[in-house]
Amino acid sequence: MKFSLINPESFSQALSGSDYGEAFLEKSSGLSIRYEDSKVEDIGSVSDLGLGLRHLKKSGSSIQTFQAVSQKFEAEEAFRLKESLFGKAKKEAPLSFRPLEQFTHSFRIDPKEAPLEDKINLLRLIDSSLRKNFKLIRQISLSYGEREREIAILNSEGSFQVEHRTAVLLSINVIVEENGILQTGHEVIGGLKGYELLEQGTVLRLAHAAAARAEAKLKAPKAKAGEMQVILSNSAGGTFIHEAIGHSLEVDHVQEGSSPAYIGKMGQVVAPETITVIDDPTLPFYRGSFYFDDEGHKSQPTVLVKNGVLTNYLYDRTTAMKEGKRSNGHGRRESFHCRPIPRMSNLYIAPGPDDPKEILKNLKTGIFVTRMGGGQVNTATSEFVFELDDAFWVENGEIKHRVRDANLMGIGPEILKSIDKVGWDIGWGIGTCGKDGQGVPVGDGQPTLHIPKILVGGSGEK
């Protein structure tokens, strides 16, 4: 059954009778391949379909949520779920629905149509090419994933929307070893695209770059520890902005009091004038993009910080209702099994006024970060720690040598306020963001940034 052929009026009685009623229908399928030690370790194929019914009832500043799910998605099943939540109810006046709004993210090659053997052969080609060209390889781990997801949302406000999303992801992880020292190199490519994303030339270049970095780090000295100047290159991706401020501006953290750094700060200066932070799910083909969020709000760019001033938070419907506002379209859920919560999509710091080359040239001593690793943040304290996947020691504006085994530590709002140079370039990273047990695809971006003082963790000689 195609969701676009649904008669929305048949859901009318299931959605009425509360301040807000919503049916979230989903069909999804996916394939994953894990390739390690020059062989296929695992092939997984999954499919799911079902219905999530949700009703919200507001009483003062409190909102009650009633939710139930089923593996079926007929209108009769939605009404049965409603009765399981509320019991027998009087017949409500029928709802009227606006015309269907539907959107498909375009792609050239449907991943489902690409033969499984071609996908395995691509992983085999990457593995053999790396082993042929890099002699210190200890382990190669490759992961391929594809997912097709069609969702439909009908709600008591009269919306009827259908969206089709197809995504592809390839992760490359290389471990090298020499004289008992291990180093890793990592690359990932993905987005709302088809199998055309994995053109052999591009993928092989990324794989070789990961292995080359790993081998280069074997010869690099360990990073020195201490407070120092740090430049985050645009190639570092957006892990910093995602962890240092992004989670703290998901408004449920603010409302719960677990993000105290930004409570009551609307309209106040929270960053330098050169800093503007935007979350934009409308960017074509980006991993975190969507046409409408998982509550039916059409996507739109949301400016969170404008010229250093806090201007907005990320809202879903429930958190917006608590403040008598309208959601700005950031209610996301992993699947119909889950409730929507405020989430980032493609979060980035907008390009600034400074020449990236001059930012590096003016660094007397410090660390130049070209790739970030993993990171985490405690939203209650705003403390973060990020691993550095690739970084260099700089003296008098010149890169002297690569360093290894380093991380950055700090308090997000304080570090954000201290940034004094913002490049006019921008680069992106991608990932899967976890929150409350749900994982959703995201993109993160930033220009070159100069941080005058930040704590670098390392074990090298001072």
Protein backbone atom coordinates (compact mmCIF):
# COMPACT_ATOMS: atom_id res chain seq x y z
CA MET A 1 0.00 0.00 0.00
CA LYS A 2 1.26 3.46 -0.89
CA PHE A 3 0.82 6.02 1.86
CA SER A 4 -0.16 8.61 -0.75
CA LEU A 5 -3.31 6.55 -1.46
CA ILE A 6 -4.54 6.73 2.14
CA ASN A 7 -7.93 8.32 2.71
CA PRO A 8 -7.08 10.79 5.49
CA GLU A 9 -10.72 11.18 6.57
CA SER A 10 -10.71 7.53 7.65
CA PHE A 11 -8.29 8.53 10.44
CA SER A 12 -10.53 11.34 11.67
CA GLN A 13 -12.02 9.58 14.70
CA ALA A 14 -8.64 8.22 15.76
CA LEU A 15 -7.10 11.70 15.84
CA SER A 16 -9.86 13.75 17.46
CA GLY A 17 -10.76 14.23 21.10
CA SER A 18 -7.57 15.82 22.49
CA ASP A 19 -5.63 19.05 22.14
CA TYR A 20 -3.55 17.32 19.49
CA GLY A 21 -3.76 13.92 17.83
CA GLU A 22 -1.25 12.42 15.42
CA ALA A 23 -0.77 9.23 13.42
CA PHE A 24 2.79 8.50 12.33
CA LEU A 25 3.01 5.75 9.72
CA GLU A 26 6.29 4.27 8.59
CA LYS A 27 7.66 1.70 6.16
CA SER A 28 11.41 1.19 6.25
CA SER A 29 13.97 -1.26 4.96
CA GLY A 30 17.72 -1.42 5.14
CA LEU A 31 20.84 -3.41 4.41
CA SER A 32 24.14 -3.49 6.28
CA ILE A 33 27.42 -5.21 5.44
CA ARG A 34 30.37 -5.50 7.81
CA TYR A 35 33.69 -6.43 6.19
CA GLU A 36 36.69 -7.21 8.40
CA ASP A 37 39.90 -9.22 8.10
CA SER A 38 39.43 -9.34 4.32
CA LYS A 39 36.11 -11.13 4.50
CA VAL A 40 32.42 -10.48 5.02
CA GLU A 41 31.69 -10.77 8.73
CA ASP A 42 28.01 -9.97 8.69
CA ILE A 43 25.16 -9.10 6.32
CA GLY A 44 21.98 -7.76 7.84
CA SER A 45 18.68 -7.00 6.19
CA VAL A 46 15.88 -5.35 8.12
CA SER A 47 12.40 -4.10 7.37
CA ASP A 48 9.76 -2.60 9.58
CA LEU A 49 6.34 -1.10 9.25
CA GLY A 50 3.84 0.22 11.69
CA LEU A 51 1.92 3.03 13.25
CA GLY A 52 2.56 5.29 16.20
CA LEU A 53 -0.51 7.09 17.59
CA ARG A 54 0.02 10.03 19.90
CA HIS A 55 -2.33 12.39 21.72
CA LEU A 56 -1.36 15.46 23.73
CA LYS A 57 -3.54 17.07 26.38
CA LYS A 58 -2.53 20.37 27.93
CA SER A 59 -3.47 21.41 31.45
CA GLY A 60 -1.85 24.68 32.46
CA SER A 61 1.87 24.31 31.92
CA SER A 62 1.63 20.51 32.06
CA ILE A 63 1.21 18.32 28.98
CA GLN A 64 0.06 14.72 29.15
CA THR A 65 1.29 12.41 26.41
CA PHE A 66 -0.65 9.30 25.40
CA GLN A 67 1.11 7.04 22.96
CA ALA A 68 0.70 3.54 21.52
CA VAL A 69 2.27 1.66 18.62
CA SER A 70 1.29 -1.20 16.36
CA GLN A 71 2.88 -3.15 13.52
CA LYS A 72 -0.19 -2.37 11.44
CA PHE A 73 -1.06 0.98 9.88
CA GLU A 74 -4.71 0.91 8.89
CA ALA A 75 -7.17 3.54 10.07
CA GLU A 76 -9.10 0.88 12.01
CA GLU A 77 -5.90 0.02 13.88
CA ALA A 78 -5.34 3.69 14.74
CA PHE A 79 -8.85 3.88 16.20
CA ARG A 80 -8.24 0.67 18.18
CA LEU A 81 -5.07 2.20 19.61
CA LYS A 82 -7.02 5.29 20.62
CA GLU A 83 -9.53 3.14 22.49
CA SER A 84 -6.66 1.37 24.24
CA LEU A 85 -5.52 4.78 25.50
CA PHE A 86 -8.85 6.41 26.38
CA GLY A 87 -11.48 3.69 26.36
CA LYS A 88 -14.81 4.07 24.57
CA ALA A 89 -15.46 7.67 23.58
CA LYS A 90 -18.23 9.63 22.01
CA LYS A 91 -18.13 10.20 18.30
CA GLU A 92 -16.28 13.41 17.48
CA ALA A 93 -16.98 15.87 14.70
CA PRO A 94 -15.07 14.80 11.59
CA LEU A 95 -11.79 16.52 10.81
CA SER A 96 -11.04 18.19 7.50
CA PHE A 97 -7.66 17.62 5.87
CA ARG A 98 -5.61 19.76 3.57
CA PRO A 99 -4.47 18.30 0.22
CA LEU A 100 -1.68 15.75 0.40
CA GLU A 101 1.82 17.21 0.52
CA GLN A 102 4.53 14.75 -0.49
CA PHE A 103 8.24 14.92 -1.17
CA THR A 104 10.92 12.49 -2.38
CA HIS A 105 14.64 13.15 -1.94
CA SER A 106 16.07 12.48 -5.39
CA PHE A 107 18.84 10.02 -6.24
CA ARG A 108 20.31 8.52 -9.42
CA ILE A 109 20.90 4.88 -8.45
CA ASP A 110 18.47 3.12 -6.13
CA PRO A 111 20.63 1.24 -3.59
CA LYS A 112 18.17 -1.65 -3.63
CA GLU A 113 18.77 -2.09 -7.36
CA ALA A 114 22.54 -2.35 -6.98
CA PRO A 115 23.44 -6.07 -6.70
CA LEU A 116 24.65 -7.30 -3.33
CA GLU A 117 27.74 -8.73 -5.01
CA ASP A 118 28.66 -5.26 -6.32
CA LYS A 119 28.54 -3.88 -2.79
CA ILE A 120 30.69 -6.69 -1.44
CA ASN A 121 33.12 -6.28 -4.34
CA LEU A 122 33.47 -2.58 -3.54
CA LEU A 123 34.42 -3.39 0.06
CA ARG A 124 36.80 -6.07 -1.19
CA LEU A 125 38.40 -3.57 -3.57
CA ILE A 126 38.93 -1.04 -0.76
CA ASP A 127 40.45 -3.69 1.49
CA SER A 128 42.85 -5.07 -1.17
CA SER A 129 43.92 -1.60 -2.32
CA LEU A 130 44.76 -0.56 1.23
CA ARG A 131 46.72 -3.72 1.94
CA LYS A 132 48.64 -3.34 -1.32
CA ASN A 133 49.63 0.28 -0.75
CA PHE A 134 50.15 0.43 3.03
CA LYS A 135 52.48 -2.10 4.62
CA LEU A 136 51.82 -1.40 8.30
CA ILE A 137 48.14 -2.25 8.35
CA ARG A 138 46.98 -4.30 11.33
CA GLN A 139 43.23 -4.24 10.71
CA ILE A 140 40.69 -2.84 8.26
CA SER A 141 37.04 -2.49 9.24
CA LEU A 142 34.52 -1.44 6.59
CA SER A 143 30.82 -0.90 7.12
CA TYR A 144 28.24 -0.27 4.41
CA GLY A 145 24.67 0.74 5.14
CA GLU A 146 21.59 1.73 3.16
CA ARG A 147 18.16 2.70 4.37
CA GLU A 148 14.91 3.53 2.67
CA ARG A 149 12.26 5.17 4.77
CA GLU A 150 8.75 6.28 3.81
CA ILE A 151 6.72 8.10 6.44
CA ALA A 152 3.25 9.58 6.51
CA ILE A 153 1.89 11.97 9.11
CA LEU A 154 -1.78 12.75 9.66
CA ASN A 155 -2.83 14.99 12.52
CA SER A 156 -5.79 16.73 14.07
CA GLU A 157 -4.65 20.05 12.58
CA GLY A 158 -5.54 18.69 9.14
CA SER A 159 -2.07 17.83 7.87
CA PHE A 160 -1.50 14.90 5.54
CA GLN A 161 2.13 14.57 4.51
CA VAL A 162 4.26 11.85 2.97
CA GLU A 163 8.04 11.85 2.62
CA HIS A 164 10.41 9.32 1.09
CA ARG A 165 14.04 9.29 2.24
CA THR A 166 16.86 7.14 0.85
CA ALA A 167 20.29 7.24 2.48
CA VAL A 168 23.66 5.54 2.01
CA LEU A 169 26.60 5.39 4.42
CA LEU A 170 30.12 3.94 4.19
CA SER A 171 32.52 3.91 7.14
CA ILE A 172 36.24 3.13 6.76
CA ASN A 173 38.40 2.42 9.80
CA VAL A 174 42.09 1.51 9.52
CA ILE A 175 44.45 0.41 12.29
CA VAL A 176 48.20 0.39 11.69
CA GLU A 177 50.99 -0.91 13.92
CA GLU A 178 54.72 -0.46 14.20
CA ASN A 179 56.98 -1.44 17.12
CA GLY A 180 53.95 -2.09 19.30
CA ILE A 181 52.40 1.34 18.65
CA LEU A 182 48.87 1.40 17.23
CA GLN A 183 47.23 4.31 15.41
CA THR A 184 43.91 4.64 13.62
CA GLY A 185 42.56 6.47 10.59
CA HIS A 186 38.90 6.97 9.91
CA GLU A 187 36.74 8.26 7.05
CA VAL A 188 33.00 8.25 6.52
CA ILE A 189 30.86 9.23 3.57
CA GLY A 190 27.08 9.41 3.55
CA GLY A 191 24.00 11.45 2.82
CA LEU A 192 20.49 11.48 1.43
CA LYS A 193 21.64 10.05 -1.89
CA GLY A 194 21.62 6.80 -3.78
CA TYR A 195 24.37 4.31 -4.56
CA GLU A 196 25.98 6.88 -6.86
CA LEU A 197 27.50 8.39 -3.70
CA LEU A 198 30.02 5.55 -3.62
CA GLU A 199 31.88 6.13 -6.84
CA GLN A 200 35.03 4.02 -6.72
CA GLY A 201 37.53 6.83 -7.26
CA THR A 202 36.14 8.94 -4.44
CA VAL A 203 35.89 6.05 -2.00
CA LEU A 204 39.43 4.82 -2.70
CA ARG A 205 40.86 8.31 -2.21
CA LEU A 206 39.15 8.55 1.18
CA ALA A 207 40.36 5.11 2.20
CA HIS A 208 43.94 5.92 1.24
CA ALA A 209 43.74 9.23 3.11
CA ALA A 210 42.63 7.42 6.29
CA ALA A 211 45.48 4.92 6.07
CA ALA A 212 48.06 7.60 5.27
CA ARG A 213 47.03 9.61 8.34
CA ALA A 214 47.23 6.55 10.54
CA GLU A 215 50.75 5.71 9.34
CA ALA A 216 51.89 9.32 9.69
CA LYS A 217 50.73 9.37 13.32
CA LEU A 218 53.01 6.43 14.09
CA LYS A 219 56.01 8.74 13.61
CA ALA A 220 54.44 11.71 15.39
CA PRO A 221 55.35 12.68 18.95
CA LYS A 222 52.65 12.66 21.59
CA ALA A 223 50.89 15.98 22.12
CA LYS A 224 51.96 18.19 24.98
CA ALA A 225 49.42 18.79 27.72
CA GLY A 226 48.35 22.20 28.96
CA GLU A 227 46.42 25.33 28.10
CA MET A 228 47.33 26.74 24.71
CA GLN A 229 46.04 28.34 21.53
CA VAL A 230 44.17 26.04 19.20
CA ILE A 231 42.94 26.45 15.64
CA LEU A 232 40.11 24.21 14.47
CA SER A 233 40.36 23.92 10.69
CA ASN A 234 37.20 23.81 8.60
CA SER A 235 38.21 20.22 7.72
CA ALA A 236 37.80 19.30 11.39
CA GLY A 237 34.04 19.02 10.85
CA GLY A 238 31.46 20.31 13.28
CA THR A 239 31.90 18.05 16.30
CA PHE A 240 32.84 21.09 18.38
CA ILE A 241 29.65 23.06 17.72
CA HIS A 242 27.47 19.94 17.93
CA GLU A 243 28.69 19.00 21.39
CA ALA A 244 29.72 22.36 22.85
CA ILE A 245 26.44 24.17 22.22
CA GLY A 246 24.08 22.14 20.02
CA HIS A 247 22.74 19.75 22.64
CA SER A 248 22.45 22.57 25.16
CA LEU A 249 20.08 24.44 22.81
CA GLU A 250 17.69 21.51 22.44
CA VAL A 251 15.01 23.17 24.52
CA ASP A 252 13.94 20.13 26.53
CA HIS A 253 17.30 20.38 28.31
CA VAL A 254 16.58 24.05 29.06
CA GLN A 255 13.03 23.38 30.28
CA GLU A 256 14.20 20.51 32.47
CA GLY A 257 16.95 22.66 33.96
CA SER A 258 19.70 20.33 32.72
CA SER A 259 21.20 23.03 30.46
CA PRO A 260 21.67 25.89 32.95
CA ALA A 261 24.16 27.77 30.78
CA TYR A 262 21.37 28.94 28.45
CA ILE A 263 18.39 29.23 30.80
CA GLY A 264 16.98 32.76 30.68
CA LYS A 265 19.60 33.88 28.16
CA MET A 266 17.28 34.60 25.23
CA GLY A 267 18.29 37.92 23.66
CA GLN A 268 21.58 37.99 25.54
CA VAL A 269 25.13 37.82 24.21
CA VAL A 270 26.47 34.27 24.39
CA ALA A 271 29.24 34.45 21.77
CA PRO A 272 31.37 36.99 19.87
CA GLU A 273 29.66 39.14 17.24
CA THR A 274 31.33 37.10 14.50
CA ILE A 275 29.53 33.90 15.60
CA THR A 276 26.21 32.91 14.03
CA VAL A 277 24.88 29.39 14.66
CA ILE A 278 22.24 27.88 12.37
CA ASP A 279 20.46 24.53 12.25
CA ASP A 280 19.27 23.86 8.70
CA PRO A 281 17.42 20.66 7.68
CA THR A 282 16.69 22.08 4.20
CA LEU A 283 20.22 21.57 2.81
CA PRO A 284 19.88 19.27 -0.25
CA PHE A 285 21.31 15.76 0.12
CA TYR A 286 22.83 16.38 3.57
CA ARG A 287 22.68 13.52 6.04
CA GLY A 288 20.61 15.42 8.60
CA SER A 289 18.11 16.91 6.13
CA PHE A 290 14.36 16.37 5.85
CA TYR A 291 11.46 18.06 4.08
CA PHE A 292 9.28 18.02 7.16
CA ASP A 293 10.11 16.86 10.66
CA ASP A 294 8.62 13.79 12.31
CA GLU A 295 5.65 15.81 13.55
CA GLY A 296 4.74 17.25 10.14
CA HIS A 297 6.28 20.72 10.43
CA LYS A 298 7.88 21.84 7.19
CA SER A 299 11.62 22.19 7.60
CA GLN A 300 13.22 25.60 7.78
CA PRO A 301 16.59 27.06 8.77
CA THR A 302 16.59 28.07 12.43
CA VAL A 303 19.04 30.74 13.56
CA LEU A 304 19.98 29.92 17.14
CA VAL A 305 22.70 32.51 17.67
CA LYS A 306 22.86 35.63 15.49
CA ASN A 307 25.94 37.83 15.66
CA GLY A 308 26.65 36.47 19.13
CA VAL A 309 23.11 36.87 20.50
CA LEU A 310 20.97 33.88 21.51
CA THR A 311 17.83 34.09 19.38
CA ASN A 312 16.15 30.67 19.55
CA TYR A 313 16.12 27.09 20.79
CA LEU A 314 15.30 23.84 18.98
CA TYR A 315 11.65 22.93 19.64
CA ASP A 316 9.40 19.99 19.02
CA ARG A 317 5.63 20.19 19.42
CA THR A 318 5.47 19.23 23.10
CA THR A 319 8.17 21.64 24.27
CA ALA A 320 6.64 24.42 22.15
CA MET A 321 3.18 23.82 23.64
CA LYS A 322 4.64 24.24 27.13
CA GLU A 323 5.61 27.79 26.21
CA GLY A 324 2.56 28.59 24.09
CA LYS A 325 4.67 28.61 20.92
CA ARG A 326 4.70 26.85 17.58
CA SER A 327 7.38 24.24 16.97
CA ASN A 328 10.21 25.33 14.66
CA GLY A 329 10.34 21.87 13.09
CA HIS A 330 12.93 19.94 15.09
CA GLY A 331 10.81 17.10 16.44
CA ARG A 332 12.63 13.94 15.35
CA ARG A 333 12.27 10.25 16.15
CA GLU A 334 14.29 7.20 15.23
CA SER A 335 11.18 5.28 14.15
CA PHE A 336 7.45 4.94 14.76
CA HIS A 337 8.31 3.03 17.96
CA CYS A 338 9.73 6.24 19.50
CA ARG A 339 8.38 9.56 20.67
CA PRO A 340 9.60 12.72 18.92
CA ILE A 341 12.01 14.92 20.87
CA PRO A 342 13.92 18.14 20.02
CA ARG A 343 16.96 17.23 17.90
CA MET A 344 19.58 18.88 15.73
CA SER A 345 19.65 18.28 11.97
CA ASN A 346 22.52 20.05 10.14
CA LEU A 347 24.04 22.41 12.72
CA TYR A 348 26.82 24.80 11.75
CA ILE A 349 28.67 27.99 12.53
CA ALA A 350 28.27 30.37 9.60
CA PRO A 351 31.40 31.61 7.79
CA GLY A 352 32.95 34.74 9.28
CA PRO A 353 35.18 37.64 8.15
CA ASP A 354 38.68 36.21 8.58
CA ASP A 355 41.12 34.70 6.08
CA PRO A 356 41.84 31.09 7.17
CA LYS A 357 45.44 31.33 5.94
CA GLU A 358 46.01 34.44 8.04
CA ILE A 359 44.53 32.74 11.10
CA LEU A 360 47.17 30.01 10.79
CA LYS A 361 49.94 32.47 9.90
CA ASN A 362 49.33 34.45 13.09
CA LEU A 363 49.50 31.44 15.41
CA LYS A 364 52.73 31.78 17.39
CA THR A 365 52.59 28.43 19.18
CA GLY A 366 49.74 25.97 19.50
CA ILE A 367 47.78 23.13 17.95
CA PHE A 368 46.22 23.14 14.47
CA VAL A 369 43.39 20.58 14.35
CA THR A 370 42.48 19.20 10.94
CA ARG A 371 40.21 16.35 12.03
CA MET A 372 38.14 15.83 15.16
CA GLY A 373 37.40 12.43 16.62
CA GLY A 374 34.55 11.48 18.93
CA GLY A 375 33.20 13.80 21.57
CA GLN A 376 30.77 14.05 24.43
CA VAL A 377 29.25 16.74 26.61
CA ASN A 378 27.56 16.95 30.00
CA THR A 379 24.68 19.38 29.36
CA ALA A 380 24.28 20.00 33.10
CA THR A 381 27.82 21.38 33.42
CA SER A 382 28.55 22.17 29.73
CA GLU A 383 31.87 20.33 30.11
CA PHE A 384 33.05 18.60 26.96
CA VAL A 385 35.91 16.42 25.80
CA PHE A 386 36.84 15.74 22.16
CA GLU A 387 39.41 13.40 20.74
CA LEU A 388 41.69 14.79 18.03
CA ASP A 389 41.96 12.43 15.07
CA ASP A 390 44.60 14.57 13.32
CA ALA A 391 46.46 17.63 14.59
CA PHE A 392 49.76 19.51 14.16
CA TRP A 393 52.14 21.55 16.29
CA VAL A 394 52.58 25.11 14.97
CA GLU A 395 55.31 27.68 15.70
CA ASN A 396 55.34 31.20 14.25
CA GLY A 397 52.65 30.35 11.76
CA GLU A 398 54.42 27.29 10.38
CA ILE A 399 53.33 23.69 10.77
CA LYS A 400 56.27 21.90 12.41
CA HIS A 401 55.04 18.35 12.84
CA ARG A 402 52.03 16.16 13.44
CA VAL A 403 51.05 15.23 17.03
CA ARG A 404 49.09 12.25 18.33
CA ASP A 405 47.08 11.05 21.31
CA ALA A 406 45.51 14.43 22.10
CA ASN A 407 42.11 15.70 23.14
CA LEU A 408 40.43 19.01 23.91
CA MET A 409 38.62 19.75 27.15
CA GLY A 410 36.61 22.76 28.22
CA ILE A 411 33.31 24.33 29.13
CA GLY A 412 31.25 24.95 25.99
CA PRO A 413 29.79 28.42 26.65
CA GLU A 414 33.14 29.74 27.88
CA ILE A 415 35.08 28.43 24.88
CA LEU A 416 32.42 29.72 22.48
CA LYS A 417 32.70 33.22 23.97
CA SER A 418 36.47 33.17 23.67
CA ILE A 419 36.66 32.52 19.90
CA ASP A 420 38.29 35.58 18.34
CA LYS A 421 38.79 34.56 14.69
CA VAL A 422 36.18 33.03 12.37
CA GLY A 423 37.21 32.01 8.86
CA TRP A 424 35.25 32.59 5.70
CA ASP A 425 35.48 28.91 4.77
CA ILE A 426 33.27 26.03 5.95
CA GLY A 427 33.60 22.27 6.13
CA TRP A 428 31.27 19.46 7.16
CA GLY A 429 31.23 16.21 9.06
CA ILE A 430 28.47 13.63 9.45
CA GLY A 431 27.36 11.22 12.11
CA THR A 432 24.56 9.57 14.02
CA CYS A 433 23.55 11.47 17.13
CA GLY A 434 22.32 9.58 20.18
CA LYS A 435 19.86 10.97 22.71
CA ASP A 436 17.41 9.23 25.05
CA GLY A 437 18.19 5.93 23.39
CA GLN A 438 17.36 7.20 19.90
CA GLY A 439 19.84 7.65 17.06
CA VAL A 440 19.19 10.07 14.19
CA PRO A 441 21.42 11.12 11.26
CA VAL A 442 23.03 14.56 11.53
CA GLY A 443 25.47 16.88 9.81
CA ASP A 444 27.82 19.34 11.54
CA GLY A 445 29.75 22.22 10.00
CA GLN A 446 32.15 25.00 10.91
CA PRO A 447 34.66 27.44 9.41
CA THR A 448 38.24 27.75 10.62
CA LEU A 449 38.13 28.95 14.25
CA HIS A 450 40.84 30.38 16.53
CA ILE A 451 40.50 29.65 20.26
CA PRO A 452 42.96 31.76 22.32
CA LYS A 453 43.14 29.30 25.23
CA ILE A 454 41.83 25.79 25.72
CA LEU A 455 43.04 22.77 27.70
CA VAL A 456 44.79 20.18 25.58
CA GLY A 457 45.11 16.71 27.04
CA GLY A 458 48.26 14.81 26.10
CA SER A 459 51.20 12.91 27.52
CA GLY A 460 54.09 14.35 25.49
CA GLU A 461 57.10 16.12 26.98
CA LYS A 462 56.47 19.73 27.98
